[in-house]
Protein backbone atom coordinates (compact mmCIF):
# COMPACT_ATOMS: atom_id res chain seq x y z
CA UNK A 1 5.98 9.17 -15.61
CA UNK A 2 3.32 6.69 -16.39
CA UNK A 3 3.53 3.50 -18.21
CA UNK A 4 3.18 3.84 -21.53
CA UNK A 5 2.60 0.20 -22.58
CA UNK A 6 2.07 -3.07 -20.76
CA UNK A 7 4.64 -5.45 -22.03
CA UNK A 8 6.06 -9.04 -21.41
CA UNK A 9 8.72 -7.76 -18.97
CA UNK A 10 6.17 -5.90 -16.59
CA UNK A 11 3.90 -9.24 -16.77
CA UNK A 12 6.79 -11.40 -15.80
CA UNK A 13 7.08 -9.09 -12.65
CA UNK A 14 3.96 -10.50 -11.30
CA UNK A 15 4.61 -14.33 -11.82
CA UNK A 16 3.64 -15.91 -8.66
CA UNK A 17 1.53 -13.24 -7.20
CA UNK A 18 -2.35 -13.10 -6.94
CA UNK A 19 -3.37 -9.73 -9.23
CA UNK A 20 -6.52 -8.25 -10.62
CA UNK A 21 -6.67 -8.38 -14.38
CA UNK A 22 -8.15 -5.17 -15.79
CA UNK A 23 -8.83 -5.84 -19.38
CA UNK A 24 -9.08 -3.33 -22.40
CA UNK A 25 -12.73 -4.06 -22.88
CA UNK A 26 -13.50 -2.64 -19.29
CA UNK A 27 -13.93 -6.18 -17.60
CA UNK A 28 -11.83 -7.09 -14.59
CA UNK A 29 -10.78 -10.57 -13.61
CA UNK A 30 -10.75 -10.80 -9.85
CA UNK A 31 -8.06 -12.45 -8.02
CA UNK A 32 -6.14 -14.54 -10.34
CA UNK A 33 -2.87 -16.42 -9.81
CA UNK A 34 -0.14 -15.48 -12.56
CA UNK A 35 1.59 -18.53 -13.18
CA UNK A 36 3.46 -17.68 -16.54
CA UNK A 37 4.13 -15.10 -18.77
CA UNK A 38 5.67 -15.93 -22.07
CA UNK A 39 6.06 -15.93 -25.99
CA UNK A 40 5.57 -19.37 -27.54
CA UNK A 41 7.02 -20.19 -30.94
CA UNK A 42 6.83 -16.94 -32.21
CA UNK A 43 3.17 -16.59 -30.98
CA UNK A 44 2.22 -12.99 -29.54
CA UNK A 45 3.08 -12.79 -25.99
CA UNK A 46 0.54 -13.96 -23.18
CA UNK A 47 -0.11 -14.42 -19.80
CA UNK A 48 -1.01 -17.63 -18.12
CA UNK A 49 -3.25 -17.13 -15.02
CA UNK A 50 -5.16 -19.55 -12.54
CA UNK A 51 -8.61 -18.34 -11.42
CA UNK A 52 -10.12 -19.81 -8.31
CA UNK A 53 -12.89 -21.43 -9.56
CA UNK A 54 -10.95 -23.24 -12.49
CA UNK A 55 -8.26 -25.93 -12.36
CA UNK A 56 -6.81 -25.35 -16.27
CA UNK A 57 -4.89 -22.21 -16.48
CA UNK A 58 -6.16 -19.24 -18.64
CA UNK A 59 -4.47 -17.53 -21.63
CA UNK A 60 -4.68 -13.88 -22.22
CA UNK A 61 -2.90 -12.46 -24.78
CA UNK A 62 -0.85 -9.22 -23.57
CA UNK A 63 -2.93 -6.90 -25.99
CA UNK A 64 -6.00 -7.42 -24.29
CA UNK A 65 -4.71 -6.45 -20.99
CA UNK A 66 -4.99 -2.66 -19.87
CA UNK A 67 -2.93 -3.29 -16.45
CA UNK A 68 -2.70 -5.44 -13.57
CA UNK A 69 -3.00 -4.58 -9.84
CA UNK A 70 -1.13 -6.36 -7.21
CA UNK A 71 -3.38 -7.73 -4.11
CA UNK A 72 -2.27 -7.26 -0.67
CA UNK A 73 -1.60 -10.85 0.69
CA UNK A 74 -2.43 -9.85 4.21
CA UNK A 75 -6.03 -9.11 3.05
CA UNK A 76 -6.25 -12.78 1.38
CA UNK A 77 -5.79 -14.80 4.37
């Protein structure tokens, strides 16, 4: 059984972890930290992540994400 759709509950499971974000346009955001996943004020659900080269969080809507790949924390050290 595969995952039919990437949803907010799946995104919340990755909060506090480093992941690679695979987007639907074929691009990949490498080694980003997932800081939050929420729906704000009736807006579309989004994931907030922090990349290593930026201090401010990025907001990426869930409809743009194909899947998340969790990184092995032992390889990051």
